[in-house]
């Protein structure tokens, strides 16, 4: 894979809320997921008068396929994604891989958004977490039956269970595998250190499972632009594990 600057792709969009709203949010999903799986944020924001837009990342959903699946390529795509009428986003919410891409995009293009919320962001993946992510993706592709998703995540909303099946079915398995292969050193701490827009991390509970924790979290939180809260009892996808608490923390951030 070339080390040249990535060429951005145009990402497909789905939307919630009135297009006339002057509050505009972008929702960026994680690895093996889809824009539709950000529906909890989309519905909550729309109900509060926002216009929310979710994208399918490259290699996922209806997005174009490519050869480059470095985090930098994902970041280039979201950085080139703007509101329909131009200008900055008022908020960008990024989960996991989407959080890493969002952090990189917001650091490189501080005019892109006025505020960032990162949901258990994959700022740094060390060997243990990389192995956990790979095994999770392998399980998803090996058995993508609704019954299997229900068994693994019985507490998820039925729509999350259904949409997880749909997301795996429409994702490129090769793209997901290449995302791990092409990022042998997965680390955007340098970008996180450069963030200047107000940024909040909605973290997962380390007692359940969290990527953004320990020394990585301590280092990133030295940036005064970044704050953090934790959703008790939530694993890596708090908006699916504990949606009410996650949305409550989102409102606390936006009302601060």
Protein backbone atom coordinates (compact mmCIF):
# COMPACT_ATOMS: atom_id res chain seq x y z
CA UNK A 1 0.00 0.00 0.00
CA UNK A 2 1.30 3.41 -0.97
CA UNK A 3 2.15 5.93 1.70
CA UNK A 4 0.86 8.76 -0.49
CA UNK A 5 -1.87 11.06 0.76
CA UNK A 6 -5.22 9.28 0.45
CA UNK A 7 -7.76 10.32 -2.17
CA UNK A 8 -11.12 11.04 -0.49
CA UNK A 9 -14.28 9.22 -1.52
CA UNK A 10 -17.81 10.66 -1.60
CA UNK A 11 -19.76 8.87 1.13
CA UNK A 12 -23.48 8.02 0.94
CA UNK A 13 -25.72 9.67 3.51
CA UNK A 14 -28.89 9.00 5.48
CA UNK A 15 -30.63 11.74 7.42
CA UNK A 16 -32.88 12.45 10.38
CA UNK A 17 -34.69 15.71 11.15
CA UNK A 18 -35.61 18.80 9.20
CA UNK A 19 -33.17 20.01 6.57
CA UNK A 20 -34.21 23.55 7.57
CA UNK A 21 -32.56 23.19 10.97
CA UNK A 22 -29.56 25.42 11.63
CA UNK A 23 -28.00 22.77 13.91
CA UNK A 24 -26.22 20.14 11.83
CA UNK A 25 -24.57 16.96 13.05
CA UNK A 26 -22.51 14.28 11.31
CA UNK A 27 -22.52 10.70 12.64
CA UNK A 28 -19.56 8.40 11.85
CA UNK A 29 -19.82 4.67 12.57
CA UNK A 30 -17.24 2.07 13.53
CA UNK A 31 -15.57 -0.88 11.83
CA UNK A 32 -17.95 -3.47 10.35
CA UNK A 33 -20.91 -1.21 11.06
CA UNK A 34 -22.98 1.25 9.01
CA UNK A 35 -24.45 4.72 9.10
CA UNK A 36 -27.87 3.25 9.90
CA UNK A 37 -26.51 1.81 13.16
CA UNK A 38 -26.01 5.39 14.42
CA UNK A 39 -29.80 5.73 14.50
CA UNK A 40 -30.00 6.30 18.27
CA UNK A 41 -28.02 9.51 17.90
CA UNK A 42 -29.90 10.48 14.74
CA UNK A 43 -33.33 10.06 16.31
CA UNK A 44 -32.38 11.85 19.54
CA UNK A 45 -30.85 14.80 17.69
CA UNK A 46 -33.79 15.06 15.28
CA UNK A 47 -36.26 15.02 18.17
CA UNK A 48 -34.33 17.95 19.67
CA UNK A 49 -34.54 19.97 16.47
CA UNK A 50 -31.24 19.03 14.84
CA UNK A 51 -30.60 17.80 11.31
CA UNK A 52 -28.42 14.69 11.63
CA UNK A 53 -26.54 13.00 8.79
CA UNK A 54 -24.89 9.58 9.01
CA UNK A 55 -22.45 8.24 6.43
CA UNK A 56 -21.37 4.78 5.38
CA UNK A 57 -17.58 4.65 5.58
CA UNK A 58 -15.50 3.37 2.64
CA UNK A 59 -15.90 -0.37 2.19
CA UNK A 60 -19.07 -0.38 4.30
CA UNK A 61 -22.75 -0.22 3.44
CA UNK A 62 -23.39 1.56 0.15
CA UNK A 63 -20.05 3.41 0.17
CA UNK A 64 -17.53 3.01 -2.64
CA UNK A 65 -14.95 0.28 -2.34
CA UNK A 66 -11.25 1.15 -2.53
CA UNK A 67 -7.77 -0.27 -1.99
CA UNK A 68 -6.72 2.10 0.78
CA UNK A 69 -8.11 1.32 4.24
CA UNK A 70 -5.66 3.23 6.40
CA UNK A 71 -7.16 5.33 9.19
CA UNK A 72 -5.84 8.33 7.24
CA UNK A 73 -8.04 7.35 4.29
CA UNK A 74 -11.14 7.09 6.46
CA UNK A 75 -10.25 10.50 7.94
CA UNK A 76 -9.83 12.05 4.49
CA UNK A 77 -13.31 10.88 3.53
CA UNK A 78 -15.06 12.33 6.57
CA UNK A 79 -13.04 15.56 6.41
CA UNK A 80 -14.32 16.09 2.86
CA UNK A 81 -17.91 15.46 3.99
CA UNK A 82 -19.66 18.79 4.58
CA UNK A 83 -23.24 19.86 5.30
CA UNK A 84 -25.40 20.12 2.20
CA UNK A 85 -25.33 23.91 2.31
CA UNK A 86 -21.65 24.15 3.19
CA UNK A 87 -19.93 25.55 6.25
CA UNK A 88 -18.85 23.60 9.32
CA UNK A 89 -20.74 20.91 11.17
CA UNK A 90 -22.04 22.00 14.55
CA UNK A 91 -21.28 18.54 15.91
CA UNK A 92 -19.53 15.38 14.73
CA UNK A 93 -20.10 12.13 16.64
CA UNK A 94 -17.64 9.32 15.88
CA UNK A 95 -17.67 5.78 17.28
CA UNK A 96 -14.62 3.48 17.47
CA UNK A 97 -12.90 3.59 14.03
CA UNK A 98 -15.20 6.52 13.27
CA UNK A 99 -13.86 8.20 16.40
CA UNK A 100 -10.28 7.78 15.25
CA UNK A 101 -11.14 9.13 11.79
CA UNK A 102 -13.07 12.03 13.33
CA UNK A 103 -10.20 12.95 15.66
CA UNK A 104 -7.76 12.95 12.74
CA UNK A 105 -10.09 14.99 10.53
CA UNK A 106 -10.88 17.56 13.21
CA UNK A 107 -7.20 17.97 14.10
CA UNK A 108 -6.15 18.42 10.47
CA UNK A 109 -9.12 20.66 9.57
CA UNK A 110 -10.17 22.63 12.67
CA UNK A 111 -12.74 24.58 10.63
CA UNK A 112 -14.57 21.34 9.73
CA UNK A 113 -16.66 21.15 12.93
CA UNK A 114 -17.46 23.27 15.97
CA UNK A 115 -17.68 20.35 18.41
CA UNK A 116 -16.68 16.68 18.56
CA UNK A 117 -18.04 13.76 20.57
CA UNK A 118 -16.02 10.53 20.44
CA UNK A 119 -17.72 7.30 21.54
CA UNK A 120 -15.18 4.79 22.89
CA UNK A 121 -12.83 5.97 20.14
CA UNK A 122 -10.11 3.72 18.73
CA UNK A 123 -7.41 6.34 19.28
CA UNK A 124 -4.81 3.63 19.87
CA UNK A 125 -5.09 -0.10 19.36
CA UNK A 126 -2.45 -2.20 21.06
CA UNK A 127 -1.95 -5.90 20.39
CA UNK A 128 -4.63 -7.10 22.82
CA UNK A 129 -7.32 -4.81 21.47
CA UNK A 130 -6.34 -5.48 17.87
CA UNK A 131 -6.78 -9.21 18.48
CA UNK A 132 -10.15 -8.67 20.16
CA UNK A 133 -11.34 -6.54 17.24
CA UNK A 134 -10.19 -9.11 14.68
CA UNK A 135 -11.90 -11.97 16.50
CA UNK A 136 -15.12 -9.97 16.82
CA UNK A 137 -15.16 -9.22 13.09
CA UNK A 138 -14.33 -12.84 12.22
CA UNK A 139 -17.26 -14.06 14.35
CA UNK A 140 -19.61 -11.56 12.72
CA UNK A 141 -18.75 -12.64 9.19
CA UNK A 142 -18.64 -16.35 10.06
CA UNK A 143 -22.20 -16.39 11.43
CA UNK A 144 -24.32 -13.43 10.40
CA UNK A 145 -27.67 -14.89 11.39
CA UNK A 146 -30.05 -12.71 13.38
CA UNK A 147 -30.24 -15.48 15.97
CA UNK A 148 -26.47 -15.29 16.48
CA UNK A 149 -26.56 -11.52 17.00
CA UNK A 150 -29.46 -11.88 19.45
CA UNK A 151 -27.54 -14.52 21.38
CA UNK A 152 -24.41 -12.37 21.63
CA UNK A 153 -26.28 -9.11 22.33
CA UNK A 154 -29.64 -10.05 23.87
CA UNK A 155 -30.05 -6.62 25.51
CA UNK A 156 -29.77 -4.65 22.25
CA UNK A 157 -32.85 -3.07 20.72
CA UNK A 158 -34.35 -5.27 17.97
CA UNK A 159 -33.47 -2.61 15.41
CA UNK A 160 -29.82 -2.71 16.46
CA UNK A 161 -29.83 -6.49 16.13
CA UNK A 162 -31.40 -6.30 12.67
CA UNK A 163 -29.16 -3.49 11.49
CA UNK A 164 -26.03 -5.29 12.69
CA UNK A 165 -26.95 -8.22 10.41
CA UNK A 166 -27.58 -5.79 7.56
CA UNK A 167 -24.30 -3.93 8.18
CA UNK A 168 -22.21 -7.11 8.08
CA UNK A 169 -24.04 -8.34 4.98
CA UNK A 170 -23.33 -5.09 3.12
CA UNK A 171 -19.76 -4.53 4.33
CA UNK A 172 -16.78 -5.77 2.34
CA UNK A 173 -15.14 -8.50 4.37
CA UNK A 174 -11.90 -7.74 2.51
CA UNK A 175 -12.15 -4.06 3.46
CA UNK A 176 -12.68 -4.91 7.12
CA UNK A 177 -9.74 -7.32 7.09
CA UNK A 178 -7.56 -4.78 5.29
CA UNK A 179 -8.39 -2.14 7.88
CA UNK A 180 -6.50 -4.26 10.39
CA UNK A 181 -3.79 -5.31 7.94
CA UNK A 182 -3.04 -1.81 6.64
CA UNK A 183 -2.85 -0.26 10.12
CA UNK A 184 -0.20 -2.38 11.86
CA UNK A 185 0.48 0.66 14.04
CA UNK A 186 -2.93 2.06 14.92
CA UNK A 187 -2.28 5.28 16.80
CA UNK A 188 -3.79 8.75 16.32
CA UNK A 189 -2.70 10.15 19.68
CA UNK A 190 -0.68 12.82 17.89
CA UNK A 191 -3.86 14.05 16.17
CA UNK A 192 -5.80 13.94 19.44
CA UNK A 193 -3.11 16.11 21.04
CA UNK A 194 -3.68 18.72 18.29
CA UNK A 195 -7.46 18.94 18.74
CA UNK A 196 -8.56 22.48 19.52
CA UNK A 197 -12.33 22.24 19.07
CA UNK A 198 -14.26 21.25 22.21
CA UNK A 199 -14.13 17.45 22.32
CA UNK A 200 -15.82 15.03 24.70
CA UNK A 201 -15.29 11.29 24.98
CA UNK A 202 -18.27 9.17 25.97
CA UNK A 203 -16.36 6.19 27.26
CA UNK A 204 -17.28 2.57 27.77
CA UNK A 205 -17.02 0.91 31.16
CA UNK A 206 -13.57 -0.72 31.53
CA UNK A 207 -15.19 -3.32 33.77
CA UNK A 208 -17.15 -4.49 30.72
CA UNK A 209 -14.81 -3.61 27.84
CA UNK A 210 -13.32 -0.34 26.64
CA UNK A 211 -10.77 0.56 23.99
CA UNK A 212 -10.29 4.10 25.29
CA UNK A 213 -8.96 3.56 28.79
CA UNK A 214 -5.79 3.36 30.86
CA UNK A 215 -2.61 5.11 29.75
CA UNK A 216 -4.06 6.05 26.35
CA UNK A 217 -6.99 7.86 27.94
CA UNK A 218 -4.76 9.53 30.51
CA UNK A 219 -2.45 10.84 27.79
CA UNK A 220 -5.21 12.07 25.49
CA UNK A 221 -7.03 13.82 28.34
CA UNK A 222 -3.99 16.00 28.98
CA UNK A 223 -5.28 18.07 26.08
CA UNK A 224 -7.45 20.73 27.81
CA UNK A 225 -9.87 20.69 24.86
CA UNK A 226 -10.86 17.10 25.67
CA UNK A 227 -13.13 15.92 28.49
CA UNK A 228 -14.56 12.50 29.28
CA UNK A 229 -17.44 10.68 30.93
CA UNK A 230 -18.11 6.94 31.23
CA UNK A 231 -21.36 5.02 30.68
CA UNK A 232 -21.52 2.49 33.54
CA UNK A 233 -22.23 -1.05 32.45
CA UNK A 234 -21.67 -0.32 28.75
CA UNK A 235 -19.28 -2.18 26.49
CA UNK A 236 -17.62 -0.90 23.34
CA UNK A 237 -20.92 0.31 21.80
CA UNK A 238 -22.59 2.29 24.60
CA UNK A 239 -25.26 3.68 22.25
CA UNK A 240 -26.42 0.09 21.78
CA UNK A 241 -25.62 -1.31 25.24
CA UNK A 242 -26.94 1.60 27.33
CA UNK A 243 -28.66 3.98 24.89
CA UNK A 244 -30.63 6.10 27.37
CA UNK A 245 -27.56 6.79 29.52
CA UNK A 246 -25.44 7.49 26.44
CA UNK A 247 -27.89 9.99 25.02
CA UNK A 248 -28.22 11.61 28.45
CA UNK A 249 -24.45 12.15 28.50
CA UNK A 250 -24.62 13.59 24.98
CA UNK A 251 -27.17 16.18 26.14
CA UNK A 252 -25.05 17.04 29.16
CA UNK A 253 -22.14 17.77 26.83
CA UNK A 254 -24.20 19.86 24.41
CA UNK A 255 -25.84 21.86 27.18
CA UNK A 256 -22.59 22.65 28.98
